[in-house]
């Protein structure tokens, strides 16, 4: 390998030196950059040049064992002029989205079909003052939404016949930069985002932002608003853990009070309480009610009205972050339980019918409020993310009558309170009964009636 420290190379030159076939495809360029990092350490002062800082004696470990996509939120810190430019970016992205929606609908009326991918790509070219990659990012998002609708109709999903194409006009939409429209300077802690070329075809000075921490192997950066502008940085994380390959299987009974109640084949049980989440949500609802009560007495659009609206937004934003933190801690505690007991497969109940359609079922206000505060979907998503890193399979099954059936005699009745008591004399924690039955119903060679060990965990 003839790469020398201190020399400046183009992308094509490094490809030739490493024996990689040159390509302009963006998805391949991401893989090639990761391959470059295995052989040498380099700096990218711009999107075209690579300055070699160090050449490794042997190639470093890559993504041979697989990888996971993760996202980190980085606050925007830059000059006032760059910040004003970024504030306009999401408005321009929304203009691009609205133009796509209108043009595709009009094209369908005139030609009897929707625009193809290449036609959409051509349409967004130079449509806004955004960098070309920003316009392409919007069209890809639109195409993905449209394609998902068509696939849902073909699969005949519930409610797919009433599915509609994107039709609502947006005021803001996320702006994106791919790997060849930004430069990350880890040495000086700077992120440089490309702008559209000027009227003479010359590149403008990039948007320069500073950061404290930035992950490696960044794939995409999106500009979002979360109580202020911030970047959603999507990156790859190499898989460093070995998959758990055992015959030990567990079942989860998800709940509003006890977020996770689980037991495995060997009778090892764990109960992780979610009372802290309920406390956060109750505080949020009480404080929001006070603010809304004061705001409703004011003239809509007045300065005081907007002040209370901002206070409500900040309250919701803060509590949502607190709830997400709790969910991460709960799912991490359960991951530790799975690793400790060598669990390779986990069953959990399908609660979609329980948590949806609360208005149509005429349930009480108290129960409806509890179901709305229950972050069941967020918890299952985080469980899937964390367990998949160790090859643990998460299986969704029906949990019908799992909390009403006696594990010993099979008699069915609805329990009152937190403990289950059967006519045969069997007594157990109600959520543990649910977890036992989920495991017993789905595993033929397993029948659990009692736990051997039990842990009761709560988050800090």
Protein backbone atom coordinates (compact mmCIF):
# COMPACT_ATOMS: atom_id res chain seq x y z
CA UNK A 1 0.00 0.00 0.00
CA UNK A 2 1.62 3.23 -1.23
CA UNK A 3 -0.34 5.69 0.94
CA UNK A 4 2.05 8.17 2.58
CA UNK A 5 1.57 10.31 5.69
CA UNK A 6 1.07 14.01 4.94
CA UNK A 7 0.03 13.53 1.30
CA UNK A 8 -3.31 14.78 -0.04
CA UNK A 9 -5.46 12.33 -1.99
CA UNK A 10 -8.76 12.41 -3.82
CA UNK A 11 -11.46 9.82 -3.16
CA UNK A 12 -10.71 8.04 -6.45
CA UNK A 13 -6.96 7.89 -5.68
CA UNK A 14 -7.49 6.09 -2.35
CA UNK A 15 -9.90 3.64 -4.00
CA UNK A 16 -7.22 2.73 -6.56
CA UNK A 17 -4.50 2.38 -3.92
CA UNK A 18 -6.66 0.06 -1.78
CA UNK A 19 -7.87 -1.93 -4.79
CA UNK A 20 -11.50 -0.89 -4.43
CA UNK A 21 -13.64 -0.33 -7.56
CA UNK A 22 -14.43 3.39 -7.88
CA UNK A 23 -18.11 4.36 -7.66
CA UNK A 24 -20.18 7.55 -7.28
CA UNK A 25 -23.05 5.83 -5.44
CA UNK A 26 -23.57 7.55 -2.08
CA UNK A 27 -24.41 4.34 -0.17
CA UNK A 28 -21.18 2.75 -1.43
CA UNK A 29 -19.17 5.83 -0.49
CA UNK A 30 -20.28 5.39 3.13
CA UNK A 31 -18.96 1.82 3.10
CA UNK A 32 -15.72 2.95 1.42
CA UNK A 33 -15.09 5.62 4.07
CA UNK A 34 -15.47 2.94 6.74
CA UNK A 35 -13.01 0.79 4.78
CA UNK A 36 -10.55 3.71 4.55
CA UNK A 37 -10.66 4.09 8.36
CA UNK A 38 -9.44 0.50 8.73
CA UNK A 39 -6.17 1.28 6.91
CA UNK A 40 -5.35 4.88 7.85
CA UNK A 41 -6.29 7.91 9.89
CA UNK A 42 -7.15 10.95 7.77
CA UNK A 43 -8.51 14.49 7.95
CA UNK A 44 -11.10 15.88 5.53
CA UNK A 45 -10.76 19.68 5.26
CA UNK A 46 -13.51 19.56 2.62
CA UNK A 47 -15.62 16.99 0.78
CA UNK A 48 -13.00 16.36 -1.93
CA UNK A 49 -9.59 15.98 -0.26
CA UNK A 50 -8.17 13.50 2.25
CA UNK A 51 -5.02 14.41 4.23
CA UNK A 52 -3.34 11.27 5.59
CA UNK A 53 -2.28 11.60 9.26
CA UNK A 54 -1.35 7.99 10.07
CA UNK A 55 -1.06 4.67 8.21
CA UNK A 56 -1.72 1.53 10.27
CA UNK A 57 0.65 -1.46 10.10
CA UNK A 58 -2.30 -3.86 10.00
CA UNK A 59 -5.95 -3.21 9.05
CA UNK A 60 -8.22 -2.57 12.04
CA UNK A 61 -11.39 -4.49 12.85
CA UNK A 62 -14.35 -3.41 10.74
CA UNK A 63 -18.02 -4.40 10.69
CA UNK A 64 -17.46 -8.09 9.95
CA UNK A 65 -19.50 -9.10 13.01
CA UNK A 66 -22.37 -6.77 12.09
CA UNK A 67 -23.45 -3.35 13.33
CA UNK A 68 -26.40 -1.41 14.72
CA UNK A 69 -27.77 1.99 13.77
CA UNK A 70 -27.99 4.47 16.65
CA UNK A 71 -28.92 8.14 16.94
CA UNK A 72 -27.34 10.87 19.06
CA UNK A 73 -28.82 14.33 19.58
CA UNK A 74 -26.27 17.15 19.40
CA UNK A 75 -27.31 20.77 20.20
CA UNK A 76 -26.60 23.38 17.54
CA UNK A 77 -23.82 25.83 18.54
CA UNK A 78 -22.72 28.24 15.83
CA UNK A 79 -22.55 31.92 14.86
CA UNK A 80 -25.73 34.01 14.61
CA UNK A 81 -25.58 34.17 10.80
CA UNK A 82 -25.24 30.37 10.53
CA UNK A 83 -28.01 29.87 13.08
CA UNK A 84 -30.34 32.14 11.09
CA UNK A 85 -29.52 30.12 7.96
CA UNK A 86 -30.32 26.84 9.74
CA UNK A 87 -33.62 28.30 10.99
CA UNK A 88 -34.61 28.80 7.34
CA UNK A 89 -33.54 25.32 6.23
CA UNK A 90 -36.52 23.43 7.66
CA UNK A 91 -38.90 25.99 6.09
CA UNK A 92 -37.26 25.40 2.70
CA UNK A 93 -37.57 21.64 3.22
CA UNK A 94 -41.28 22.11 3.94
CA UNK A 95 -41.65 24.12 0.71
CA UNK A 96 -40.00 21.25 -1.18
CA UNK A 97 -42.36 18.73 0.46
CA UNK A 98 -45.46 20.79 -0.34
CA UNK A 99 -44.37 21.20 -3.96
CA UNK A 100 -43.82 17.42 -4.26
CA UNK A 101 -47.26 16.62 -2.83
CA UNK A 102 -48.99 19.07 -5.15
CA UNK A 103 -47.02 18.03 -8.27
CA UNK A 104 -47.52 14.29 -7.71
CA UNK A 105 -51.27 14.71 -7.16
CA UNK A 106 -51.60 16.87 -10.29
CA UNK A 107 -49.52 14.39 -12.33
CA UNK A 108 -51.83 11.55 -11.25
CA UNK A 109 -54.93 13.47 -12.35
CA UNK A 110 -53.44 14.18 -15.78
CA UNK A 111 -51.68 10.86 -16.54
CA UNK A 112 -53.48 8.26 -14.41
CA UNK A 113 -50.30 7.26 -12.59
CA UNK A 114 -47.95 8.69 -9.98
CA UNK A 115 -44.50 10.09 -10.69
CA UNK A 116 -41.68 7.57 -10.80
CA UNK A 117 -38.65 7.82 -8.55
CA UNK A 118 -36.48 9.36 -11.28
CA UNK A 119 -39.18 11.91 -12.12
CA UNK A 120 -39.45 12.95 -8.45
CA UNK A 121 -35.68 13.27 -8.24
CA UNK A 122 -35.57 15.50 -11.32
CA UNK A 123 -38.47 17.62 -10.04
CA UNK A 124 -36.74 18.64 -6.78
CA UNK A 125 -33.53 19.76 -8.50
CA UNK A 126 -32.84 23.43 -7.60
CA UNK A 127 -36.39 23.81 -6.28
CA UNK A 128 -35.26 25.55 -3.04
CA UNK A 129 -32.14 27.43 -1.81
CA UNK A 130 -31.09 24.23 0.00
CA UNK A 131 -28.01 22.22 -0.91
CA UNK A 132 -28.84 19.57 -3.55
CA UNK A 133 -28.59 16.83 -0.90
CA UNK A 134 -31.24 18.62 1.21
CA UNK A 135 -33.78 18.53 -1.65
CA UNK A 136 -32.93 14.87 -2.36
CA UNK A 137 -33.46 14.05 1.32
CA UNK A 138 -37.03 15.42 1.16
CA UNK A 139 -37.91 13.50 -2.00
CA UNK A 140 -36.58 10.25 -0.48
CA UNK A 141 -38.78 10.80 2.60
CA UNK A 142 -41.82 11.45 0.40
CA UNK A 143 -41.14 8.42 -1.79
CA UNK A 144 -40.75 6.20 1.31
CA UNK A 145 -44.14 7.37 2.67
CA UNK A 146 -45.83 6.76 -0.66
CA UNK A 147 -44.21 3.35 -1.11
CA UNK A 148 -45.25 2.31 2.43
CA UNK A 149 -48.87 3.14 1.58
CA UNK A 150 -48.80 1.01 -1.59
CA UNK A 151 -47.21 -1.93 0.25
CA UNK A 152 -49.82 -1.69 3.00
CA UNK A 153 -52.63 -1.86 0.42
CA UNK A 154 -51.03 -4.86 -1.32
CA UNK A 155 -50.63 -6.68 2.03
CA UNK A 156 -54.30 -5.90 2.84
CA UNK A 157 -53.54 -4.57 6.33
CA UNK A 158 -56.39 -3.44 8.58
CA UNK A 159 -57.50 0.02 7.50
CA UNK A 160 -55.26 -0.02 4.41
CA UNK A 161 -58.22 0.71 2.12
CA UNK A 162 -58.66 4.10 3.77
CA UNK A 163 -54.92 4.91 3.51
CA UNK A 164 -54.14 8.19 1.74
CA UNK A 165 -51.12 9.68 0.08
CA UNK A 166 -49.39 12.53 1.95
CA UNK A 167 -51.65 15.53 1.40
CA UNK A 168 -51.20 17.94 4.31
CA UNK A 169 -49.12 21.06 3.81
CA UNK A 170 -46.20 21.45 6.19
CA UNK A 171 -44.70 24.56 7.68
CA UNK A 172 -41.47 22.83 8.76
CA UNK A 173 -39.75 19.62 7.67
CA UNK A 174 -36.43 18.03 8.67
CA UNK A 175 -33.36 18.90 6.57
CA UNK A 176 -30.77 16.22 5.93
CA UNK A 177 -27.08 15.99 4.95
CA UNK A 178 -25.44 12.77 3.81
CA UNK A 179 -21.81 11.73 4.24
CA UNK A 180 -20.53 13.78 1.29
CA UNK A 181 -22.26 17.04 2.21
CA UNK A 182 -20.72 17.45 5.69
CA UNK A 183 -17.25 17.30 7.22
CA UNK A 184 -16.58 16.33 10.85
CA UNK A 185 -13.34 17.73 12.26
CA UNK A 186 -12.81 15.66 15.42
CA UNK A 187 -9.53 17.43 16.23
CA UNK A 188 -11.06 20.93 16.42
CA UNK A 189 -14.56 19.70 17.41
CA UNK A 190 -16.20 21.28 14.36
CA UNK A 191 -19.02 20.17 12.07
CA UNK A 192 -19.15 21.81 8.64
CA UNK A 193 -22.34 21.55 6.58
CA UNK A 194 -22.35 22.31 2.86
CA UNK A 195 -24.46 25.08 1.31
CA UNK A 196 -25.81 25.44 -2.22
CA UNK A 197 -23.33 26.83 -4.79
CA UNK A 198 -23.71 30.52 -5.68
CA UNK A 199 -24.88 31.94 -9.02
CA UNK A 200 -21.36 31.58 -10.45
CA UNK A 201 -21.22 27.88 -9.55
CA UNK A 202 -18.74 28.39 -6.72
CA UNK A 203 -19.18 26.73 -3.31
CA UNK A 204 -20.21 29.04 -0.47
CA UNK A 205 -18.63 29.01 2.96
CA UNK A 206 -20.12 26.08 4.92
CA UNK A 207 -22.16 26.31 8.11
CA UNK A 208 -19.66 25.73 10.93
CA UNK A 209 -20.93 24.31 14.24
CA UNK A 210 -19.01 23.23 17.33
CA UNK A 211 -19.69 20.16 19.43
CA UNK A 212 -18.46 18.44 22.59
CA UNK A 213 -18.92 14.84 21.51
CA UNK A 214 -19.58 13.29 18.11
CA UNK A 215 -19.71 9.54 17.33
CA UNK A 216 -17.63 7.80 14.69
CA UNK A 217 -19.06 6.17 11.54
CA UNK A 218 -21.69 8.88 11.01
CA UNK A 219 -24.09 8.03 8.16
CA UNK A 220 -26.56 10.93 8.12
CA UNK A 221 -27.28 14.19 9.94
CA UNK A 222 -30.78 15.69 10.25
CA UNK A 223 -31.74 19.13 11.57
CA UNK A 224 -34.64 18.95 14.03
CA UNK A 225 -36.23 21.19 16.65
CA UNK A 226 -36.37 20.00 20.25
CA UNK A 227 -36.74 23.01 22.51
CA UNK A 228 -34.15 24.62 20.21
CA UNK A 229 -32.31 23.49 17.09
CA UNK A 230 -30.33 20.27 17.35
CA UNK A 231 -28.81 17.64 15.07
CA UNK A 232 -30.04 14.04 14.98
CA UNK A 233 -26.80 12.21 14.14
CA UNK A 234 -27.34 8.70 12.77
CA UNK A 235 -24.28 6.46 13.05
CA UNK A 236 -23.16 2.83 12.97
CA UNK A 237 -21.99 1.02 16.07
CA UNK A 238 -20.00 -2.21 15.58
CA UNK A 239 -21.44 -5.29 17.22
CA UNK A 240 -19.05 -6.18 20.02
CA UNK A 241 -21.19 -8.75 21.87
CA UNK A 242 -21.62 -12.43 21.19
CA UNK A 243 -25.15 -13.75 20.63
CA UNK A 244 -26.71 -15.69 23.50
CA UNK A 245 -27.35 -19.24 22.26
CA UNK A 246 -29.13 -21.23 24.97
CA UNK A 247 -32.45 -23.01 25.40
CA UNK A 248 -33.58 -20.75 28.24
CA UNK A 249 -36.77 -18.87 27.31
CA UNK A 250 -38.62 -16.13 29.20
CA UNK A 251 -41.99 -14.40 29.03
CA UNK A 252 -42.93 -10.81 29.87
CA UNK A 253 -46.19 -9.50 31.28
CA UNK A 254 -46.19 -5.76 30.53
CA UNK A 255 -48.09 -3.50 32.87
CA UNK A 256 -48.84 0.11 33.76
CA UNK A 257 -47.75 -0.18 37.42
CA UNK A 258 -45.10 -2.88 37.01
CA UNK A 259 -43.60 -2.11 33.62
CA UNK A 260 -42.02 -5.56 33.25
CA UNK A 261 -42.83 -8.79 35.06
CA UNK A 262 -40.90 -11.76 33.70
CA UNK A 263 -40.03 -15.38 34.45
CA UNK A 264 -37.87 -17.92 32.61
CA UNK A 265 -37.79 -21.72 32.23
CA UNK A 266 -35.76 -22.12 35.41
CA UNK A 267 -38.19 -20.12 37.54
CA UNK A 268 -36.05 -16.97 37.84
CA UNK A 269 -38.50 -14.07 38.13
CA UNK A 270 -38.01 -10.31 37.99
CA UNK A 271 -40.44 -7.43 38.59
CA UNK A 272 -39.41 -3.94 37.41
CA UNK A 273 -41.71 -1.20 38.66
CA UNK A 274 -42.75 1.74 36.50
CA UNK A 275 -44.27 3.91 39.21
CA UNK A 276 -41.77 6.68 38.49
CA UNK A 277 -43.13 7.05 34.93
CA UNK A 278 -46.67 7.34 36.28
CA UNK A 279 -45.50 9.97 38.78
CA UNK A 280 -43.86 12.03 36.01
CA UNK A 281 -46.95 11.85 33.81
CA UNK A 282 -49.29 12.86 36.65
CA UNK A 283 -47.13 15.85 37.48
CA UNK A 284 -47.12 16.84 33.80
CA UNK A 285 -50.92 16.63 33.52
CA UNK A 286 -51.53 18.67 36.69
CA UNK A 287 -49.08 21.42 35.69
CA UNK A 288 -50.37 21.49 32.11
CA UNK A 289 -53.96 21.81 33.35
CA UNK A 290 -52.97 24.87 35.44
CA UNK A 291 -51.24 26.51 32.46
CA UNK A 292 -54.11 25.76 30.07
CA UNK A 293 -56.63 27.13 32.57
CA UNK A 294 -54.75 30.46 32.68
CA UNK A 295 -54.20 30.52 28.91
CA UNK A 296 -57.88 29.93 28.09
CA UNK A 297 -58.80 33.23 29.77
CA UNK A 298 -56.56 35.18 27.36
CA UNK A 299 -57.06 36.37 23.79
CA UNK A 300 -55.77 33.83 21.32
CA UNK A 301 -52.63 35.12 19.59
CA UNK A 302 -51.79 37.70 22.26
CA UNK A 303 -48.35 37.97 23.79
CA UNK A 304 -49.43 36.36 27.09
CA UNK A 305 -51.24 33.57 25.20
CA UNK A 306 -48.03 32.73 23.30
CA UNK A 307 -46.05 32.87 26.53
CA UNK A 308 -48.24 30.19 28.14
CA UNK A 309 -48.10 28.11 24.92
CA UNK A 310 -44.30 28.14 25.09
CA UNK A 311 -44.44 27.15 28.77
CA UNK A 312 -46.69 24.16 27.91
CA UNK A 313 -44.32 23.11 25.12
CA UNK A 314 -41.29 23.29 27.43
CA UNK A 315 -43.10 21.31 30.13
CA UNK A 316 -44.05 18.53 27.70
CA UNK A 317 -40.58 18.48 26.19
CA UNK A 318 -38.94 18.13 29.61
CA UNK A 319 -41.26 15.37 30.85
CA UNK A 320 -40.95 13.43 27.57
CA UNK A 321 -37.17 13.37 28.07
CA UNK A 322 -37.62 12.18 31.66
CA UNK A 323 -39.97 9.38 30.55
CA UNK A 324 -37.56 8.31 27.80
CA UNK A 325 -34.76 8.17 30.36
CA UNK A 326 -36.91 5.95 32.60
CA UNK A 327 -37.75 3.63 29.70
CA UNK A 328 -34.05 3.29 28.84
CA UNK A 329 -33.25 2.38 32.45
CA UNK A 330 -36.08 -0.17 32.66
CA UNK A 331 -35.09 -1.87 29.40
CA UNK A 332 -31.42 -1.92 30.51
CA UNK A 333 -32.36 -3.61 33.80
CA UNK A 334 -34.23 -6.27 31.85
CA UNK A 335 -31.29 -6.74 29.47
CA UNK A 336 -29.02 -7.35 32.46
CA UNK A 337 -31.52 -9.95 33.72
CA UNK A 338 -31.47 -11.73 30.33
CA UNK A 339 -27.65 -11.76 30.20
CA UNK A 340 -27.39 -13.00 33.80
CA UNK A 341 -29.77 -15.93 33.15
CA UNK A 342 -28.67 -16.67 29.58
CA UNK A 343 -32.06 -16.05 27.93
CA UNK A 344 -32.16 -16.41 24.14
CA UNK A 345 -35.88 -15.87 23.46
CA UNK A 346 -38.54 -13.65 25.06
CA UNK A 347 -42.33 -13.72 24.59
CA UNK A 348 -44.42 -10.61 25.24
CA UNK A 349 -48.14 -9.90 24.93
CA UNK A 350 -49.85 -8.01 22.11
CA UNK A 351 -51.56 -5.04 23.79
CA UNK A 352 -52.55 -3.04 20.70
CA UNK A 353 -56.26 -3.75 21.13
CA UNK A 354 -56.03 -2.75 24.82
CA UNK A 355 -54.30 0.61 24.32
CA UNK A 356 -56.12 1.75 21.16
CA UNK A 357 -59.69 2.87 20.50
CA UNK A 358 -60.33 4.03 24.08
CA UNK A 359 -62.97 6.55 22.97
CA UNK A 360 -65.08 3.98 21.11
CA UNK A 361 -65.12 1.57 24.08
CA UNK A 362 -66.65 4.12 26.50
CA UNK A 363 -64.16 3.39 29.27
CA UNK A 364 -63.90 5.61 32.35
CA UNK A 365 -61.82 8.79 32.38
CA UNK A 366 -59.44 7.36 35.00
CA UNK A 367 -58.77 4.18 33.01
CA UNK A 368 -58.44 6.14 29.76
CA UNK A 369 -55.91 8.46 31.34
CA UNK A 370 -53.85 5.51 32.60
CA UNK A 371 -53.82 3.91 29.15
CA UNK A 372 -52.79 7.16 27.50
CA UNK A 373 -49.93 7.61 29.98
CA UNK A 374 -48.75 4.03 29.51
CA UNK A 375 -45.71 4.10 27.17
CA UNK A 376 -46.12 0.46 26.10
CA UNK A 377 -44.96 1.03 22.50
CA UNK A 378 -41.86 2.98 23.54
CA UNK A 379 -40.84 0.27 26.01
CA UNK A 380 -41.22 -2.57 23.50
CA UNK A 381 -39.20 -0.57 20.95
CA UNK A 382 -36.32 -0.09 23.40
CA UNK A 383 -36.48 -3.74 24.43
CA UNK A 384 -36.19 -4.79 20.80
CA UNK A 385 -33.23 -2.44 20.25
CA UNK A 386 -31.30 -3.64 23.29
CA UNK A 387 -32.08 -7.37 23.15
CA UNK A 388 -31.23 -7.63 19.44
CA UNK A 389 -27.62 -6.65 20.21
CA UNK A 390 -27.19 -9.99 21.96
CA UNK A 391 -29.23 -12.00 19.46
CA UNK A 392 -32.17 -12.34 21.85
CA UNK A 393 -35.38 -12.92 19.91
CA UNK A 394 -38.41 -10.86 20.98
CA UNK A 395 -41.68 -12.55 19.95
CA UNK A 396 -45.09 -10.85 20.02
CA UNK A 397 -47.98 -13.20 20.90
CA UNK A 398 -51.57 -13.01 22.13
CA UNK A 399 -51.90 -12.77 25.91
CA UNK A 400 -55.64 -13.50 26.06
CA UNK A 401 -56.72 -14.82 29.49
CA UNK A 402 -53.09 -15.04 30.68
CA UNK A 403 -53.86 -13.07 33.88
CA UNK A 404 -57.14 -14.93 34.53
CA UNK A 405 -56.05 -18.57 34.17
CA UNK A 406 -54.73 -20.52 37.16
CA UNK A 407 -51.32 -22.08 36.28
CA UNK A 408 -52.07 -25.06 38.53
CA UNK A 409 -55.65 -26.15 37.83
CA UNK A 410 -56.54 -24.11 34.72
CA UNK A 411 -59.62 -22.50 36.31
CA UNK A 412 -60.36 -19.04 34.87
CA UNK A 413 -61.56 -16.03 36.83
CA UNK A 414 -60.76 -12.31 36.94
CA UNK A 415 -58.59 -11.41 39.97
CA UNK A 416 -59.23 -8.41 42.23
CA UNK A 417 -56.22 -6.51 43.59
CA UNK A 418 -52.55 -7.22 43.01
CA UNK A 419 -52.67 -10.91 44.07
CA UNK A 420 -54.25 -13.85 42.26
CA UNK A 421 -56.22 -16.34 44.40
CA UNK A 422 -57.78 -19.47 42.91
CA UNK A 423 -60.49 -21.80 44.28
CA UNK A 424 -57.88 -24.59 44.36
CA UNK A 425 -55.86 -22.64 46.96
CA UNK A 426 -53.20 -21.35 44.58
CA UNK A 427 -51.92 -17.84 45.44
CA UNK A 428 -49.47 -15.71 43.48
CA UNK A 429 -48.65 -12.18 42.35
CA UNK A 430 -51.11 -11.33 39.54
CA UNK A 431 -48.49 -10.11 37.06
CA UNK A 432 -46.32 -13.18 37.71
CA UNK A 433 -49.32 -15.38 36.90
CA UNK A 434 -49.63 -13.56 33.57
CA UNK A 435 -45.94 -14.11 32.76
CA UNK A 436 -46.13 -17.79 33.74
CA UNK A 437 -49.18 -18.41 31.54
CA UNK A 438 -47.63 -16.62 28.54
CA UNK A 439 -44.64 -18.96 28.87
CA UNK A 440 -46.80 -22.06 29.47
CA UNK A 441 -49.17 -21.31 26.57
CA UNK A 442 -46.35 -20.88 24.03
CA UNK A 443 -43.85 -23.54 25.10
CA UNK A 444 -45.08 -27.15 24.99
CA UNK A 445 -42.34 -28.62 27.18
CA UNK A 446 -42.58 -25.92 29.87
CA UNK A 447 -44.98 -25.70 32.79
CA UNK A 448 -44.20 -23.14 35.51
CA UNK A 449 -46.36 -22.77 38.64
CA UNK A 450 -43.93 -21.23 41.13
CA UNK A 451 -40.83 -19.06 41.00
CA UNK A 452 -37.47 -20.19 42.37
CA UNK A 453 -35.92 -16.74 42.76
CA UNK A 454 -37.56 -13.32 42.57
CA UNK A 455 -36.08 -9.82 42.23
CA UNK A 456 -38.03 -6.60 42.68
CA UNK A 457 -36.24 -3.71 40.94
CA UNK A 458 -36.95 0.00 40.72
CA UNK A 459 -35.15 2.67 38.72
CA UNK A 460 -33.25 5.53 40.35
